[in-house]
C-alpha atoms as a PDB file:
ATOM      1  CA  MET A   1      21.460   2.933 -22.953  1.00  0.00           C
ATOM      2  CA  ALA A   2      21.327   6.726 -22.550  1.00  0.00           C
ATOM      3  CA  ASN A   3      23.580   8.591 -24.999  1.00  0.00           C
ATOM      4  CA  SER A   4      22.800  12.365 -23.895  1.00  0.00           C
ATOM      5  CA  ALA A   5      23.593  13.662 -20.313  1.00  0.00           C
ATOM      6  CA  GLN A   6      19.769  14.596 -19.907  1.00  0.00           C
ATOM      7  CA  ALA A   7      18.907  10.931 -20.640  1.00  0.00           C
ATOM      8  CA  ARG A   8      21.638   9.572 -18.505  1.00  0.00           C
ATOM      9  CA  LYS A   9      20.103  11.600 -15.393  1.00  0.00           C
ATOM     10  CA  ARG A  10      16.509  10.914 -16.221  1.00  0.00           C
ATOM     11  CA  ALA A  11      17.858   7.076 -16.249  1.00  0.00           C
ATOM     12  CA  ARG A  12      19.338   7.174 -12.834  1.00  0.00           C
ATOM     13  CA  GLN A  13      16.214   9.280 -11.292  1.00  0.00           C
ATOM     14  CA  ALA A  14      13.708   6.622 -12.655  1.00  0.00           C
ATOM     15  CA  ASP A  15      15.792   3.820 -10.636  1.00  0.00           C
ATOM     16  CA  LYS A  16      15.958   6.151  -7.849  1.00  0.00           C
ATOM     17  CA  GLN A  17      12.223   6.351  -8.039  1.00  0.00           C
ATOM     18  CA  ARG A  18      11.501   2.722  -8.809  1.00  0.00           C
ATOM     19  CA  VAL A  19      13.155   1.436  -5.901  1.00  0.00           C
ATOM     20  CA  HIS A  20      11.442   3.981  -3.703  1.00  0.00           C
ATOM     21  CA  ASN A  21       8.189   2.950  -4.962  1.00  0.00           C
ATOM     22  CA  MET A  22       8.929  -0.703  -4.622  1.00  0.00           C
ATOM     23  CA  SER A  23       9.320   0.199  -0.868  1.00  0.00           C
ATOM     24  CA  LEU A  24       6.118   1.862  -0.747  1.00  0.00           C
ATOM     25  CA  ARG A  25       4.084  -0.810  -2.304  1.00  0.00           C
ATOM     26  CA  SER A  26       6.251  -3.183  -0.210  1.00  0.00           C
ATOM     27  CA  GLU A  27       4.687  -1.402   2.988  1.00  0.00           C
ATOM     28  CA  LEU A  28       1.109  -1.538   1.599  1.00  0.00           C
ATOM     29  CA  ARG A  29       1.315  -5.486   1.024  1.00  0.00           C
ATOM     30  CA  THR A  30       2.346  -5.560   4.660  1.00  0.00           C
ATOM     31  CA  ALA A  31      -0.095  -3.407   6.301  1.00  0.00           C
ATOM     32  CA  ILE A  32      -2.991  -5.383   4.407  1.00  0.00           C
ATOM     33  CA  LYS A  33      -1.659  -8.709   5.793  1.00  0.00           C
ATOM     34  CA  LYS A  34      -1.599  -7.642   9.251  1.00  0.00           C
ATOM     35  CA  VAL A  35      -5.217  -6.861   8.923  1.00  0.00           C
ATOM     36  CA  LYS A  36      -5.732 -10.309   6.965  1.00  0.00           C
ATOM     37  CA  LYS A  37      -3.866 -11.709   9.738  1.00  0.00           C
ATOM     38  CA  ALA A  38      -5.920 -10.126  12.555  1.00  0.00           C
ATOM     39  CA  ILE A  39      -9.143 -11.149  10.871  1.00  0.00           C
ATOM     40  CA  LEU A  40      -8.083 -14.826  10.943  1.00  0.00           C
ATOM     41  CA  ALA A  41      -7.267 -14.689  14.470  1.00  0.00           C
ATOM     42  CA  GLY A  42     -10.681 -13.950  15.226  1.00  0.00           C
ATOM     43  CA  ASP A  43     -10.387 -10.891  17.462  1.00  0.00           C
ATOM     44  CA  LYS A  44     -12.557  -8.076  16.003  1.00  0.00           C
ATOM     45  CA  THR A  45     -11.423  -5.053  18.048  1.00  0.00           C
ATOM     46  CA  ALA A  46      -7.766  -5.972  17.515  1.00  0.00           C
ATOM     47  CA  ALA A  47      -8.994  -6.465  13.893  1.00  0.00           C
ATOM     48  CA  GLN A  48     -10.427  -3.078  13.677  1.00  0.00           C
ATOM     49  CA  SER A  49      -7.515  -1.343  15.426  1.00  0.00           C
ATOM     50  CA  VAL A  50      -4.868  -2.662  12.981  1.00  0.00           C
ATOM     51  CA  PHE A  51      -7.363  -1.763  10.290  1.00  0.00           C
ATOM     52  CA  ASN A  52      -7.349   1.905  11.190  1.00  0.00           C
ATOM     53  CA  THR A  53      -3.614   2.048  11.071  1.00  0.00           C
ATOM     54  CA  SER A  54      -3.457   0.337   7.937  1.00  0.00           C
ATOM     55  CA  MET A  55      -6.296   2.465   6.336  1.00  0.00           C
ATOM     56  CA  SER A  56      -3.891   5.514   6.749  1.00  0.00           C
ATOM     57  CA  THR A  57      -1.175   3.840   4.761  1.00  0.00           C
ATOM     58  CA  ILE A  58      -3.224   2.678   2.016  1.00  0.00           C
ATOM     59  CA  ASP A  59      -4.677   6.063   1.621  1.00  0.00           C
ATOM     60  CA  SER A  60      -1.034   7.598   1.743  1.00  0.00           C
ATOM     61  CA  ILE A  61       0.180   5.306  -0.698  1.00  0.00           C
ATOM     62  CA  ALA A  62      -2.843   6.110  -3.042  1.00  0.00           C
ATOM     63  CA  ASP A  63      -2.196   9.821  -2.626  1.00  0.00           C
ATOM     64  CA  LYS A  64       1.284   9.000  -4.009  1.00  0.00           C
ATOM     65  CA  LYS A  65      -0.253   7.537  -7.012  1.00  0.00           C
ATOM     66  CA  ILE A  66       1.798   4.305  -6.295  1.00  0.00           C
ATOM     67  CA  ILE A  67      -1.552   2.516  -6.729  1.00  0.00           C
ATOM     68  CA  HIS A  68      -4.622   4.051  -8.059  1.00  0.00           C
ATOM     69  CA  LYS A  69      -7.127   5.427  -5.572  1.00  0.00           C
ATOM     70  CA  ASN A  70      -9.746   3.106  -6.815  1.00  0.00           C
ATOM     71  CA  LYS A  71      -7.677  -0.007  -5.928  1.00  0.00           C
ATOM     72  CA  ALA A  72      -7.263   1.657  -2.517  1.00  0.00           C
ATOM     73  CA  ALA A  73     -10.585   1.682  -2.163  1.00  0.00           C
ATOM     74  CA  ARG A  74     -11.226  -1.678  -3.232  1.00  0.00           C
ATOM     75  CA  HIS A  75      -8.982  -2.765  -0.694  1.00  0.00           C
ATOM     76  CA  LYS A  76     -10.167  -1.072   2.078  1.00  0.00           C
ATOM     77  CA  SER A  77     -13.782  -1.638   1.345  1.00  0.00           C
ATOM     78  CA  ARG A  78     -13.025  -5.624   1.120  1.00  0.00           C
ATOM     79  CA  LEU A  79     -10.998  -5.427   4.494  1.00  0.00           C
ATOM     80  CA  SER A  80     -14.088  -3.561   6.324  1.00  0.00           C
ATOM     81  CA  ALA A  81     -16.625  -5.959   5.346  1.00  0.00           C
ATOM     82  CA  ALA A  82     -14.450  -8.930   6.426  1.00  0.00           C
ATOM     83  CA  ILE A  83     -14.262  -7.405   9.670  1.00  0.00           C
ATOM     84  CA  LYS A  84     -17.862  -6.571   9.845  1.00  0.00           C
ATOM     85  CA  ALA A  85     -18.352  -9.910   9.243  1.00  0.00           C
ATOM     86  CA  LEU A  86     -16.533 -11.193  12.127  1.00  0.00           C
END
């Protein structure tokens, strides 16, 4: 465990940040699942509308460096391709 006051504070901050990042990562996964569910339903217009809202979520999480920007781009590209294939 941390011995100095500075190290104890850093440990507290890191733990708080980790919990925050976990919630954002969970939000990302949920957004992706919503789009996949809409695609499986087969309704292209509904899938497109859900994708548009999820796209902003994916971008904001990538901007906060929770995930890499290329990973965000890959998710958006694959979801978009799946919607176009409907």
